[in-house]
Amino acid sequence: MCNHEDREREIRMIIGGIGIPIIKMKTYKYETERSNVKDEGDKYIVTLEMPGVRKEDIKLYVNERTIEATAKPSIKLPGGEREYKYKIKLEDPVEVEGVKAKYFEGLLIIELPKKKTGREVKVE
């Protein structure tokens, strides 16, 4: 049987997990980086950690259901040489032509509008 403190801890863990999921991704060598995928209904906002890179060195590929981003840091970082590699699969298809990306202070922020898969039909 579970005591009151254990149950409270379990509830806090469940409640703490609600919101923006943080997915740990493996990089090219051995480090672990983070990505954040937020579904805002009509679009996804994806944030990828890429400290030490220049925006010119980021390669970003997007298709309807997948994001791939790679980059090598332009400065020497603790832990040796590394390469960031992210591959994220999306539940809903996105409008590839409408994708926007910005790089700011080590974060690549990608806005992906969802593809409209249906339309309203007027009943006569």
PDB file of N, CA and C in Angstrom:
ATOM      1  N   MET A   1       0.829  -1.180   0.000  1.00  0.00           N
ATOM      2  CA  MET A   1       0.000   0.000   0.000  1.00  0.00           C
ATOM      3  C   MET A   1       0.882   1.255   0.000  1.00  0.00           C
ATOM      4  N   CYS A   2       0.436   2.257  -0.677  1.00  0.00           N
ATOM      5  CA  CYS A   2       1.193   3.491  -0.888  1.00  0.00           C
ATOM      6  C   CYS A   2       0.845   4.504   0.204  1.00  0.00           C
ATOM      7  N   ASN A   3       1.855   5.121   0.819  1.00  0.00           N
ATOM      8  CA  ASN A   3       1.554   6.118   1.844  1.00  0.00           C
ATOM      9  C   ASN A   3       1.239   7.462   1.192  1.00  0.00           C
ATOM     10  N   HIS A   4       0.791   8.403   1.996  1.00  0.00           N
ATOM     11  CA  HIS A   4       0.332   9.710   1.520  1.00  0.00           C
ATOM     12  C   HIS A   4       1.446  10.497   0.823  1.00  0.00           C
ATOM     13  N   GLU A   5       2.675  10.486   1.374  1.00  0.00           N
ATOM     14  CA  GLU A   5       3.791  11.217   0.765  1.00  0.00           C
ATOM     15  C   GLU A   5       4.144  10.665  -0.613  1.00  0.00           C
ATOM     16  N   ASP A   6       4.145   9.336  -0.744  1.00  0.00           N
ATOM     17  CA  ASP A   6       4.450   8.730  -2.051  1.00  0.00           C
ATOM     18  C   ASP A   6       3.402   9.122  -3.085  1.00  0.00           C
ATOM     19  N   ARG A   7       2.137   9.131  -2.675  1.00  0.00           N
ATOM     20  CA  ARG A   7       1.050   9.495  -3.597  1.00  0.00           C
ATOM     21  C   ARG A   7       1.179  10.958  -4.021  1.00  0.00           C
ATOM     22  N   GLU A   8       1.504  11.860  -3.074  1.00  0.00           N
ATOM     23  CA  GLU A   8       1.699  13.266  -3.415  1.00  0.00           C
ATOM     24  C   GLU A   8       2.853  13.439  -4.385  1.00  0.00           C
ATOM     25  N   ARG A   9       3.953  12.715  -4.163  1.00  0.00           N
ATOM     26  CA  ARG A   9       5.116  12.789  -5.051  1.00  0.00           C
ATOM     27  C   ARG A   9       4.725  12.317  -6.455  1.00  0.00           C
ATOM     28  N   GLU A  10       3.949  11.227  -6.526  1.00  0.00           N
ATOM     29  CA  GLU A  10       3.509  10.698  -7.823  1.00  0.00           C
ATOM     30  C   GLU A  10       2.620  11.716  -8.538  1.00  0.00           C
ATOM     31  N   ILE A  11       1.718  12.351  -7.830  1.00  0.00           N
ATOM     32  CA  ILE A  11       0.825  13.357  -8.422  1.00  0.00           C
ATOM     33  C   ILE A  11       1.635  14.550  -8.916  1.00  0.00           C
ATOM     34  N   ARG A  12       2.621  15.025  -8.111  1.00  0.00           N
ATOM     35  CA  ARG A  12       3.456  16.136  -8.543  1.00  0.00           C
ATOM     36  C   ARG A  12       4.218  15.777  -9.815  1.00  0.00           C
ATOM     37  N   MET A  13       4.689  14.540  -9.912  1.00  0.00           N
ATOM     38  CA  MET A  13       5.423  14.115 -11.108  1.00  0.00           C
ATOM     39  C   MET A  13       4.503  14.115 -12.326  1.00  0.00           C
ATOM     40  N   ILE A  14       3.274  13.642 -12.161  1.00  0.00           N
ATOM     41  CA  ILE A  14       2.325  13.606 -13.274  1.00  0.00           C
ATOM     42  C   ILE A  14       1.968  15.024 -13.692  1.00  0.00           C
ATOM     43  N   ILE A  15       1.639  15.892 -12.722  1.00  0.00           N
ATOM     44  CA  ILE A  15       1.277  17.272 -13.024  1.00  0.00           C
ATOM     45  C   ILE A  15       2.461  18.003 -13.653  1.00  0.00           C
ATOM     46  N   GLY A  16       3.650  17.767 -13.150  1.00  0.00           N
ATOM     47  CA  GLY A  16       4.844  18.408 -13.697  1.00  0.00           C
ATOM     48  C   GLY A  16       5.103  18.008 -15.134  1.00  0.00           C
ATOM     49  N   GLY A  17       4.596  16.858 -15.550  1.00  0.00           N
ATOM     50  CA  GLY A  17       4.802  16.386 -16.914  1.00  0.00           C
ATOM     51  C   GLY A  17       3.838  16.985 -17.920  1.00  0.00           C
ATOM     52  N   ILE A  18       2.822  17.685 -17.459  1.00  0.00           N
ATOM     53  CA  ILE A  18       1.847  18.282 -18.373  1.00  0.00           C
ATOM     54  C   ILE A  18       2.451  19.544 -18.971  1.00  0.00           C
ATOM     55  N   GLY A  19       2.193  19.785 -20.218  1.00  0.00           N
ATOM     56  CA  GLY A  19       2.700  21.004 -20.862  1.00  0.00           C
ATOM     57  C   GLY A  19       3.557  20.656 -22.041  1.00  0.00           C
ATOM     58  N   ILE A  20       4.662  21.328 -22.164  1.00  0.00           N
ATOM     59  CA  ILE A  20       5.537  21.156 -23.314  1.00  0.00           C
ATOM     60  C   ILE A  20       6.429  19.942 -23.089  1.00  0.00           C
ATOM     61  N   PRO A  21       6.321  18.932 -23.948  1.00  0.00           N
ATOM     62  CA  PRO A  21       7.191  17.771 -23.751  1.00  0.00           C
ATOM     63  C   PRO A  21       8.630  18.091 -24.138  1.00  0.00           C
ATOM     64  N   ILE A  22       9.565  17.648 -23.328  1.00  0.00           N
ATOM     65  CA  ILE A  22      10.978  17.810 -23.652  1.00  0.00           C
ATOM     66  C   ILE A  22      11.501  16.439 -24.037  1.00  0.00           C
ATOM     67  N   ILE A  23      12.039  16.340 -25.224  1.00  0.00           N
ATOM     68  CA  ILE A  23      12.512  15.073 -25.756  1.00  0.00           C
ATOM     69  C   ILE A  23      14.028  15.128 -25.809  1.00  0.00           C
ATOM     70  N   LYS A  24      14.673  14.182 -25.194  1.00  0.00           N
ATOM     71  CA  LYS A  24      16.136  14.146 -25.250  1.00  0.00           C
ATOM     72  C   LYS A  24      16.540  13.465 -26.552  1.00  0.00           C
ATOM     73  N   MET A  25      17.465  14.077 -27.252  1.00  0.00           N
ATOM     74  CA  MET A  25      17.930  13.545 -28.529  1.00  0.00           C
ATOM     75  C   MET A  25      19.419  13.254 -28.418  1.00  0.00           C
ATOM     76  N   LYS A  26      19.893  12.272 -29.127  1.00  0.00           N
ATOM     77  CA  LYS A  26      21.304  11.935 -29.106  1.00  0.00           C
ATOM     78  C   LYS A  26      22.019  12.676 -30.226  1.00  0.00           C
ATOM     79  N   THR A  27      23.172  13.219 -29.937  1.00  0.00           N
ATOM     80  CA  THR A  27      23.946  13.898 -30.962  1.00  0.00           C
ATOM     81  C   THR A  27      24.916  12.923 -31.601  1.00  0.00           C
ATOM     82  N   TYR A  28      25.689  13.428 -32.538  1.00  0.00           N
ATOM     83  CA  TYR A  28      26.581  12.611 -33.353  1.00  0.00           C
ATOM     84  C   TYR A  28      27.549  11.769 -32.550  1.00  0.00           C
ATOM     85  N   LYS A  29      28.158  12.344 -31.515  1.00  0.00           N
ATOM     86  CA  LYS A  29      29.164  11.587 -30.775  1.00  0.00           C
ATOM     87  C   LYS A  29      28.593  10.962 -29.503  1.00  0.00           C
ATOM     88  N   TYR A  30      28.460  11.724 -28.457  1.00  0.00           N
ATOM     89  CA  TYR A  30      28.098  11.130 -27.172  1.00  0.00           C
ATOM     90  C   TYR A  30      27.275  12.039 -26.276  1.00  0.00           C
ATOM     91  N   GLU A  31      27.138  13.267 -26.618  1.00  0.00           N
ATOM     92  CA  GLU A  31      26.420  14.200 -25.755  1.00  0.00           C
ATOM     93  C   GLU A  31      24.910  14.056 -25.949  1.00  0.00           C
ATOM     94  N   THR A  32      24.147  14.545 -25.002  1.00  0.00           N
ATOM     95  CA  THR A  32      22.695  14.569 -25.103  1.00  0.00           C
ATOM     96  C   THR A  32      22.240  16.011 -25.172  1.00  0.00           C
ATOM     97  N   GLU A  33      21.470  16.342 -26.170  1.00  0.00           N
ATOM     98  CA  GLU A  33      20.936  17.686 -26.338  1.00  0.00           C
ATOM     99  C   GLU A  33      19.427  17.619 -26.177  1.00  0.00           C
ATOM    100  N   ARG A  34      18.798  18.761 -26.232  1.00  0.00           N
ATOM    101  CA  ARG A  34      17.359  18.793 -26.015  1.00  0.00           C
ATOM    102  C   ARG A  34      16.626  19.421 -27.188  1.00  0.00           C
ATOM    103  N   SER A  35      15.433  18.909 -27.379  1.00  0.00           N
ATOM    104  CA  SER A  35      14.510  19.530 -28.321  1.00  0.00           C
ATOM    105  C   SER A  35      13.192  19.699 -27.592  1.00  0.00           C
ATOM    106  N   ASN A  36      12.412  20.638 -28.058  1.00  0.00           N
ATOM    107  CA  ASN A  36      11.142  20.923 -27.444  1.00  0.00           C
ATOM    108  C   ASN A  36      10.128  21.065 -28.563  1.00  0.00           C
ATOM    109  N   VAL A  37       9.076  20.246 -28.544  1.00  0.00           N
ATOM    110  CA  VAL A  37       8.045  20.294 -29.573  1.00  0.00           C
ATOM    111  C   VAL A  37       6.747  20.711 -28.908  1.00  0.00           C
ATOM    112  N   LYS A  38       6.200  21.837 -29.375  1.00  0.00           N
ATOM    113  CA  LYS A  38       4.949  22.338 -28.805  1.00  0.00           C
ATOM    114  C   LYS A  38       3.890  22.384 -29.908  1.00  0.00           C
ATOM    115  N   ASP A  39       2.767  21.709 -29.672  1.00  0.00           N
ATOM    116  CA  ASP A  39       1.648  21.704 -30.616  1.00  0.00           C
ATOM    117  C   ASP A  39       0.694  22.815 -30.199  1.00  0.00           C
ATOM    118  N   GLU A  40       0.567  23.837 -31.046  1.00  0.00           N
ATOM    119  CA  GLU A  40      -0.308  24.973 -30.735  1.00  0.00           C
ATOM    120  C   GLU A  40      -1.621  24.908 -31.506  1.00  0.00           C
ATOM    121  N   GLY A  41      -2.015  23.724 -31.934  1.00  0.00           N
ATOM    122  CA  GLY A  41      -3.273  23.560 -32.652  1.00  0.00           C
ATOM    123  C   GLY A  41      -3.116  23.735 -34.148  1.00  0.00           C
ATOM    124  N   ASP A  42      -2.854  24.952 -34.600  1.00  0.00           N
ATOM    125  CA  ASP A  42      -2.714  25.213 -36.031  1.00  0.00           C
ATOM    126  C   ASP A  42      -1.261  25.189 -36.500  1.00  0.00           C
ATOM    127  N   LYS A  43      -0.325  25.037 -35.543  1.00  0.00           N
ATOM    128  CA  LYS A  43       1.093  24.994 -35.912  1.00  0.00           C
ATOM    129  C   LYS A  43       1.899  24.297 -34.818  1.00  0.00           C
ATOM    130  N   TYR A  44       3.103  23.895 -35.193  1.00  0.00           N
ATOM    131  CA  TYR A  44       4.078  23.380 -34.239  1.00  0.00           C
ATOM    132  C   TYR A  44       5.145  24.458 -34.031  1.00  0.00           C
ATOM    133  N   ILE A  45       5.647  24.562 -32.807  1.00  0.00           N
ATOM    134  CA  ILE A  45       6.823  25.373 -32.510  1.00  0.00           C
ATOM    135  C   ILE A  45       7.870  24.388 -31.984  1.00  0.00           C
ATOM    136  N   VAL A  46       8.977  24.271 -32.691  1.00  0.00           N
ATOM    137  CA  VAL A  46      10.044  23.346 -32.312  1.00  0.00           C
ATOM    138  C   VAL A  46      11.272  24.161 -31.930  1.00  0.00           C
ATOM    139  N   THR A  47      11.846  23.860 -30.778  1.00  0.00           N
ATOM    140  CA  THR A  47      13.055  24.533 -30.313  1.00  0.00           C
ATOM    141  C   THR A  47      14.150  23.487 -30.157  1.00  0.00           C
ATOM    142  N   LEU A  48      15.298  23.736 -30.775  1.00  0.00           N
ATOM    143  CA  LEU A  48      16.433  22.822 -30.715  1.00  0.00           C
ATOM    144  C   LEU A  48      17.622  23.533 -30.102  1.00  0.00           C
ATOM    145  N   GLU A  49      18.276  22.895 -29.134  1.00  0.00           N
ATOM    146  CA  GLU A  49      19.487  23.464 -28.547  1.00  0.00           C
ATOM    147  C   GLU A  49      20.661  23.208 -29.480  1.00  0.00           C
ATOM    148  N   MET A  50      21.365  24.280 -29.852  1.00  0.00           N
ATOM    149  CA  MET A  50      22.550  24.186 -30.704  1.00  0.00           C
ATOM    150  C   MET A  50      23.551  25.253 -30.300  1.00  0.00           C
ATOM    151  N   PRO A  51      24.054  25.206 -29.077  1.00  0.00           N
ATOM    152  CA  PRO A  51      24.984  26.245 -28.653  1.00  0.00           C
ATOM    153  C   PRO A  51      26.304  26.186 -29.411  1.00  0.00           C
ATOM    154  N   GLY A  52      26.874  27.376 -29.663  1.00  0.00           N
ATOM    155  CA  GLY A  52      28.191  27.456 -30.284  1.00  0.00           C
ATOM    156  C   GLY A  52      28.217  27.392 -31.797  1.00  0.00           C
ATOM    157  N   VAL A  53      27.046  27.365 -32.445  1.00  0.00           N
ATOM    158  CA  VAL A  53      27.040  27.322 -33.911  1.00  0.00           C
ATOM    159  C   VAL A  53      26.683  28.688 -34.481  1.00  0.00           C
ATOM    160  N   ARG A  54      27.054  28.907 -35.724  1.00  0.00           N
ATOM    161  CA  ARG A  54      26.606  30.105 -36.442  1.00  0.00           C
ATOM    162  C   ARG A  54      25.403  29.689 -37.281  1.00  0.00           C
ATOM    163  N   LYS A  55      24.477  30.606 -37.470  1.00  0.00           N
ATOM    164  CA  LYS A  55      23.269  30.245 -38.215  1.00  0.00           C
ATOM    165  C   LYS A  55      23.599  29.805 -39.638  1.00  0.00           C
ATOM    166  N   GLU A  56      24.699  30.317 -40.198  1.00  0.00           N
ATOM    167  CA  GLU A  56      25.111  29.923 -41.545  1.00  0.00           C
ATOM    168  C   GLU A  56      25.512  28.445 -41.619  1.00  0.00           C
ATOM    169  N   ASP A  57      25.867  27.858 -40.471  1.00  0.00           N
ATOM    170  CA  ASP A  57      26.322  26.468 -40.441  1.00  0.00           C
ATOM    171  C   ASP A  57      25.206  25.467 -40.175  1.00  0.00           C
ATOM    172  N   ILE A  58      23.996  25.951 -39.961  1.00  0.00           N
ATOM    173  CA  ILE A  58      22.868  25.051 -39.683  1.00  0.00           C
ATOM    174  C   ILE A  58      22.252  24.590 -40.997  1.00  0.00           C
ATOM    175  N   LYS A  59      22.079  23.279 -41.102  1.00  0.00           N
ATOM    176  CA  LYS A  59      21.365  22.693 -42.246  1.00  0.00           C
ATOM    177  C   LYS A  59      20.027  22.186 -41.719  1.00  0.00           C
ATOM    178  N   LEU A  60      18.943  22.723 -42.272  1.00  0.00           N
ATOM    179  CA  LEU A  60      17.599  22.381 -41.824  1.00  0.00           C
ATOM    180  C   LEU A  60      16.800  21.858 -43.005  1.00  0.00           C
ATOM    181  N   TYR A  61      16.265  20.648 -42.857  1.00  0.00           N
ATOM    182  CA  TYR A  61      15.447  20.015 -43.891  1.00  0.00           C
ATOM    183  C   TYR A  61      14.093  19.689 -43.279  1.00  0.00           C
ATOM    184  N   VAL A  62      13.021  20.058 -43.994  1.00  0.00           N
ATOM    185  CA  VAL A  62      11.674  19.808 -43.503  1.00  0.00           C
ATOM    186  C   VAL A  62      10.863  19.175 -44.622  1.00  0.00           C
ATOM    187  N   ASN A  63      10.167  18.077 -44.299  1.00  0.00           N
ATOM    188  CA  ASN A  63       9.141  17.582 -45.208  1.00  0.00           C
ATOM    189  C   ASN A  63       7.834  17.578 -44.424  1.00  0.00           C
ATOM    190  N   GLU A  64       6.784  17.015 -44.967  1.00  0.00           N
ATOM    191  CA  GLU A  64       5.470  17.138 -44.331  1.00  0.00           C
ATOM    192  C   GLU A  64       5.407  16.604 -42.903  1.00  0.00           C
ATOM    193  N   ARG A  65       6.213  15.613 -42.561  1.00  0.00           N
ATOM    194  CA  ARG A  65       6.118  15.011 -41.227  1.00  0.00           C
ATOM    195  C   ARG A  65       7.448  14.873 -40.490  1.00  0.00           C
ATOM    196  N   THR A  66       8.531  15.396 -41.056  1.00  0.00           N
ATOM    197  CA  THR A  66       9.841  15.210 -40.435  1.00  0.00           C
ATOM    198  C   THR A  66      10.665  16.484 -40.493  1.00  0.00           C
ATOM    199  N   ILE A  67      11.403  16.734 -39.404  1.00  0.00           N
ATOM    200  CA  ILE A  67      12.377  17.828 -39.340  1.00  0.00           C
ATOM    201  C   ILE A  67      13.740  17.188 -39.112  1.00  0.00           C
ATOM    202  N   GLU A  68      14.733  17.612 -39.894  1.00  0.00           N
ATOM    203  CA  GLU A  68      16.110  17.180 -39.666  1.00  0.00           C
ATOM    204  C   GLU A  68      16.973  18.429 -39.614  1.00  0.00           C
ATOM    205  N   ALA A  69      17.781  18.525 -38.568  1.00  0.00           N
ATOM    206  CA  ALA A  69      18.671  19.680 -38.411  1.00  0.00           C
ATOM    207  C   ALA A  69      20.044  19.179 -37.976  1.00  0.00           C
ATOM    208  N   THR A  70      21.085  19.709 -38.623  1.00  0.00           N
ATOM    209  CA  THR A  70      22.457  19.364 -38.254  1.00  0.00           C
ATOM    210  C   THR A  70      23.299  20.633 -38.246  1.00  0.00           C
ATOM    211  N   ALA A  71      24.347  20.620 -37.422  1.00  0.00           N
ATOM    212  CA  ALA A  71      25.291  21.737 -37.373  1.00  0.00           C
ATOM    213  C   ALA A  71      26.501  21.326 -36.561  1.00  0.00           C
ATOM    214  N   LYS A  72      27.639  21.941 -36.894  1.00  0.00           N
ATOM    215  CA  LYS A  72      28.859  21.778 -36.106  1.00  0.00           C
ATOM    216  C   LYS A  72      29.145  23.113 -35.444  1.00  0.00           C
ATOM    217  N   PRO A  73      29.488  23.090 -34.147  1.00  0.00           N
ATOM    218  CA  PRO A  73      29.829  24.351 -33.468  1.00  0.00           C
ATOM    219  C   PRO A  73      31.044  25.008 -34.113  1.00  0.00           C
ATOM    220  N   SER A  74      31.013  26.325 -34.187  1.00  0.00           N
ATOM    221  CA  SER A  74      32.134  27.080 -34.753  1.00  0.00           C
ATOM    222  C   SER A  74      33.160  27.439 -33.690  1.00  0.00           C
ATOM    223  N   ILE A  75      32.806  27.225 -32.418  1.00  0.00           N
ATOM    224  CA  ILE A  75      33.741  27.476 -31.321  1.00  0.00           C
ATOM    225  C   ILE A  75      33.996  26.169 -30.584  1.00  0.00           C
ATOM    226  N   LYS A  76      35.115  26.104 -29.884  1.00  0.00           N
ATOM    227  CA  LYS A  76      35.448  24.904 -29.131  1.00  0.00           C
ATOM    228  C   LYS A  76      34.608  24.872 -27.852  1.00  0.00           C
ATOM    229  N   LEU A  77      33.888  23.766 -27.654  1.00  0.00           N
ATOM    230  CA  LEU A  77      33.038  23.602 -26.484  1.00  0.00           C
ATOM    231  C   LEU A  77      33.617  22.540 -25.559  1.00  0.00           C
ATOM    232  N   PRO A  78      33.295  22.611 -24.266  1.00  0.00           N
ATOM    233  CA  PRO A  78      33.772  21.571 -23.342  1.00  0.00           C
ATOM    234  C   PRO A  78      33.262  20.200 -23.788  1.00  0.00           C
ATOM    235  N   GLY A  79      34.085  19.192 -23.641  1.00  0.00           N
ATOM    236  CA  GLY A  79      33.668  17.844 -24.018  1.00  0.00           C
ATOM    237  C   GLY A  79      34.166  17.427 -25.382  1.00  0.00           C
ATOM    238  N   GLY A  80      34.908  18.278 -26.041  1.00  0.00           N
ATOM    239  CA  GLY A  80      35.467  17.905 -27.334  1.00  0.00           C
ATOM    240  C   GLY A  80      34.583  18.271 -28.505  1.00  0.00           C
ATOM    241  N   GLU A  81      35.025  17.834 -29.682  1.00  0.00           N
ATOM    242  CA  GLU A  81      34.319  18.143 -30.924  1.00  0.00           C
ATOM    243  C   GLU A  81      33.005  17.380 -30.978  1.00  0.00           C
ATOM    244  N   ARG A  82      31.986  18.041 -31.477  1.00  0.00           N
ATOM    245  CA  ARG A  82      30.684  17.397 -31.591  1.00  0.00           C
ATOM    246  C   ARG A  82      29.946  17.915 -32.813  1.00  0.00           C
ATOM    247  N   GLU A  83      28.894  17.230 -33.158  1.00  0.00           N
ATOM    248  CA  GLU A  83      27.993  17.650 -34.227  1.00  0.00           C
ATOM    249  C   GLU A  83      26.585  17.438 -33.717  1.00  0.00           C
ATOM    250  N   TYR A  84      25.744  18.445 -33.882  1.00  0.00           N
ATOM    251  CA  TYR A  84      24.353  18.318 -33.485  1.00  0.00           C
ATOM    252  C   TYR A  84      23.581  17.655 -34.615  1.00  0.00           C
ATOM    253  N   LYS A  85      22.784  16.655 -34.268  1.00  0.00           N
ATOM    254  CA  LYS A  85      21.918  15.994 -35.242  1.00  0.00           C
ATOM    255  C   LYS A  85      20.571  15.750 -34.581  1.00  0.00           C
ATOM    256  N   TYR A  86      19.549  16.315 -35.175  1.00  0.00           N
ATOM    257  CA  TYR A  86      18.187  16.124 -34.693  1.00  0.00           C
ATOM    258  C   TYR A  86      17.344  15.559 -35.819  1.00  0.00           C
ATOM    259  N   LYS A  87      16.475  14.624 -35.482  1.00  0.00           N
ATOM    260  CA  LYS A  87      15.465  14.134 -36.420  1.00  0.00           C
ATOM    261  C   LYS A  87      14.191  13.972 -35.602  1.00  0.00           C
ATOM    262  N   ILE A  88      13.184  14.758 -35.957  1.00  0.00           N
ATOM    263  CA  ILE A  88      11.929  14.759 -35.205  1.00  0.00           C
ATOM    264  C   ILE A  88      10.793  14.431 -36.162  1.00  0.00           C
ATOM    265  N   LYS A  89       9.969  13.474 -35.745  1.00  0.00           N
ATOM    266  CA  LYS A  89       8.787  13.108 -36.530  1.00  0.00           C
ATOM    267  C   LYS A  89       7.572  13.797 -35.926  1.00  0.00           C
ATOM    268  N   LEU A  90       6.749  14.359 -36.794  1.00  0.00           N
ATOM    269  CA  LEU A  90       5.557  15.085 -36.372  1.00  0.00           C
ATOM    270  C   LEU A  90       4.312  14.245 -36.612  1.00  0.00           C
ATOM    271  N   GLU A  91       3.320  14.402 -35.745  1.00  0.00           N
ATOM    272  CA  GLU A  91       2.072  13.644 -35.897  1.00  0.00           C
ATOM    273  C   GLU A  91       1.265  14.115 -37.097  1.00  0.00           C
ATOM    274  N   ASP A  92       1.146  15.435 -37.271  1.00  0.00           N
ATOM    275  CA  ASP A  92       0.332  16.007 -38.338  1.00  0.00           C
ATOM    276  C   ASP A  92       1.224  16.560 -39.440  1.00  0.00           C
ATOM    277  N   PRO A  93       0.776  16.481 -40.697  1.00  0.00           N
ATOM    278  CA  PRO A  93       1.578  17.056 -41.784  1.00  0.00           C
ATOM    279  C   PRO A  93       1.615  18.579 -41.695  1.00  0.00           C
ATOM    280  N   VAL A  94       2.711  19.164 -42.185  1.00  0.00           N
ATOM    281  CA  VAL A  94       2.879  20.619 -42.150  1.00  0.00           C
ATOM    282  C   VAL A  94       3.010  21.172 -43.566  1.00  0.00           C
ATOM    283  N   GLU A  95       2.728  22.481 -43.693  1.00  0.00           N
ATOM    284  CA  GLU A  95       2.907  23.202 -44.957  1.00  0.00           C
ATOM    285  C   GLU A  95       4.382  23.558 -45.075  1.00  0.00           C
ATOM    286  N   VAL A  96       5.119  22.841 -45.876  1.00  0.00           N
ATOM    287  CA  VAL A  96       6.567  23.025 -45.983  1.00  0.00           C
ATOM    288  C   VAL A  96       6.915  24.443 -46.426  1.00  0.00           C
ATOM    289  N   GLU A  97       6.134  25.018 -47.334  1.00  0.00           N
ATOM    290  CA  GLU A  97       6.424  26.351 -47.851  1.00  0.00           C
ATOM    291  C   GLU A  97       6.268  27.444 -46.792  1.00  0.00           C
ATOM    292  N   GLY A  98       5.488  27.180 -45.743  1.00  0.00           N
ATOM    293  CA  GLY A  98       5.235  28.188 -44.717  1.00  0.00           C
ATOM    294  C   GLY A  98       6.156  28.109 -43.505  1.00  0.00           C
ATOM    295  N   VAL A  99       7.137  27.213 -43.525  1.00  0.00           N
ATOM    296  CA  VAL A  99       8.024  27.023 -42.377  1.00  0.00           C
ATOM    297  C   VAL A  99       8.947  28.230 -42.218  1.00  0.00           C
ATOM    298  N   LYS A 100       9.102  28.689 -40.965  1.00  0.00           N
ATOM    299  CA  LYS A 100      10.018  29.791 -40.642  1.00  0.00           C
ATOM    300  C   LYS A 100      10.990  29.299 -39.568  1.00  0.00           C
ATOM    301  N   ALA A 101      12.246  29.759 -39.645  1.00  0.00           N
ATOM    302  CA  ALA A 101      13.241  29.363 -38.648  1.00  0.00           C
ATOM    303  C   ALA A 101      14.090  30.561 -38.253  1.00  0.00           C
ATOM    304  N   LYS A 102      14.413  30.650 -36.944  1.00  0.00           N
ATOM    305  CA  LYS A 102      15.282  31.695 -36.421  1.00  0.00           C
ATOM    306  C   LYS A 102      16.297  31.046 -35.495  1.00  0.00           C
ATOM    307  N   TYR A 103      17.491  31.601 -35.470  1.00  0.00           N
ATOM    308  CA  TYR A 103      18.524  31.138 -34.547  1.00  0.00           C
ATOM    309  C   TYR A 103      18.887  32.295 -33.631  1.00  0.00           C
ATOM    310  N   PHE A 104      18.801  32.054 -32.322  1.00  0.00           N
ATOM    311  CA  PHE A 104      19.063  33.104 -31.350  1.00  0.00           C
ATOM    312  C   PHE A 104      19.661  32.502 -30.083  1.00  0.00           C
ATOM    313  N   GLU A 105      20.858  32.948 -29.716  1.00  0.00           N
ATOM    314  CA  GLU A 105      21.532  32.567 -28.479  1.00  0.00           C
ATOM    315  C   GLU A 105      21.536  31.061 -28.232  1.00  0.00           C
ATOM    316  N   GLY A 106      21.942  30.301 -29.231  1.00  0.00           N
ATOM    317  CA  GLY A 106      22.082  28.855 -29.061  1.00  0.00           C
ATOM    318  C   GLY A 106      20.827  28.044 -29.293  1.00  0.00           C
ATOM    319  N   LEU A 107      19.722  28.702 -29.649  1.00  0.00           N
ATOM    320  CA  LEU A 107      18.462  27.999 -29.880  1.00  0.00           C
ATOM    321  C   LEU A 107      17.988  28.197 -31.310  1.00  0.00           C
ATOM    322  N   LEU A 108      17.661  27.108 -31.964  1.00  0.00           N
ATOM    323  CA  LEU A 108      17.031  27.161 -33.277  1.00  0.00           C
ATOM    324  C   LEU A 108      15.531  27.001 -33.037  1.00  0.00           C
ATOM    325  N   ILE A 109      14.759  28.017 -33.417  1.00  0.00           N
ATOM    326  CA  ILE A 109      13.309  28.011 -33.208  1.00  0.00           C
ATOM    327  C   ILE A 109      12.641  27.909 -34.570  1.00  0.00           C
ATOM    328  N   ILE A 110      11.839  26.860 -34.736  1.00  0.00           N
ATOM    329  CA  ILE A 110      11.201  26.572 -36.023  1.00  0.00           C
ATOM    330  C   ILE A 110       9.687  26.631 -35.844  1.00  0.00           C
ATOM    331  N   GLU A 111       9.030  27.403 -36.694  1.00  0.00           N
ATOM    332  CA  GLU A 111       7.572  27.489 -36.692  1.00  0.00           C
ATOM    333  C   GLU A 111       7.057  26.769 -37.932  1.00  0.00           C
ATOM    334  N   LEU A 112       6.193  25.773 -37.707  1.00  0.00           N
ATOM    335  CA  LEU A 112       5.702  24.933 -38.799  1.00  0.00           C
ATOM    336  C   LEU A 112       4.174  24.959 -38.830  1.00  0.00           C
ATOM    337  N   PRO A 113       3.564  25.681 -39.775  1.00  0.00           N
ATOM    338  CA  PRO A 113       2.102  25.689 -39.851  1.00  0.00           C
ATOM    339  C   PRO A 113       1.592  24.325 -40.304  1.00  0.00           C
ATOM    340  N   LYS A 114       0.530  23.849 -39.658  1.00  0.00           N
ATOM    341  CA  LYS A 114      -0.039  22.555 -40.021  1.00  0.00           C
ATOM    342  C   LYS A 114      -0.785  22.659 -41.345  1.00  0.00           C
ATOM    343  N   LYS A 115      -0.742  21.561 -42.080  1.00  0.00           N
ATOM    344  CA  LYS A 115      -1.446  21.486 -43.352  1.00  0.00           C
ATOM    345  C   LYS A 115      -2.938  21.344 -43.070  1.00  0.00           C
ATOM    346  N   LYS A 116      -3.709  22.101 -43.767  1.00  0.00           N
ATOM    347  CA  LYS A 116      -5.165  21.987 -43.632  1.00  0.00           C
ATOM    348  C   LYS A 116      -5.601  20.789 -44.465  1.00  0.00           C
ATOM    349  N   THR A 117      -6.174  19.800 -43.791  1.00  0.00           N
ATOM    350  CA  THR A 117      -6.504  18.556 -44.490  1.00  0.00           C
ATOM    351  C   THR A 117      -7.969  18.464 -44.887  1.00  0.00           C
ATOM    352  N   GLY A 118      -8.767  19.376 -44.448  1.00  0.00           N
ATOM    353  CA  GLY A 118     -10.185  19.341 -44.797  1.00  0.00           C
ATOM    354  C   GLY A 118     -10.705  20.748 -45.017  1.00  0.00           C
ATOM    355  N   ARG A 119     -11.940  20.845 -45.384  1.00  0.00           N
ATOM    356  CA  ARG A 119     -12.550  22.154 -45.556  1.00  0.00           C
ATOM    357  C   ARG A 119     -14.025  22.053 -45.177  1.00  0.00           C
ATOM    358  N   GLU A 120     -14.589  23.193 -44.840  1.00  0.00           N
ATOM    359  CA  GLU A 120     -16.007  23.224 -44.507  1.00  0.00           C
ATOM    360  C   GLU A 120     -16.814  23.217 -45.797  1.00  0.00           C
ATOM    361  N   VAL A 121     -17.865  22.434 -45.798  1.00  0.00           N
ATOM    362  CA  VAL A 121     -18.730  22.326 -46.992  1.00  0.00           C
ATOM    363  C   VAL A 121     -20.083  22.912 -46.635  1.00  0.00           C
ATOM    364  N   LYS A 122     -20.547  23.836 -47.483  1.00  0.00           N
ATOM    365  CA  LYS A 122     -21.847  24.461 -47.261  1.00  0.00           C
ATOM    366  C   LYS A 122     -22.939  23.486 -47.709  1.00  0.00           C
ATOM    367  N   VAL A 123     -23.887  23.273 -46.841  1.00  0.00           N
ATOM    368  CA  VAL A 123     -25.011  22.366 -47.131  1.00  0.00           C
ATOM    369  C   VAL A 123     -26.130  23.180 -47.762  1.00  0.00           C
ATOM    370  N   GLU A 124     -26.604  22.708 -48.917  1.00  0.00           N
ATOM    371  CA  GLU A 124     -27.690  23.423 -49.609  1.00  0.00           C
ATOM    372  C   GLU A 124     -28.982  22.694 -49.477  1.00  0.00           C
TER     373      GLU A 124
END
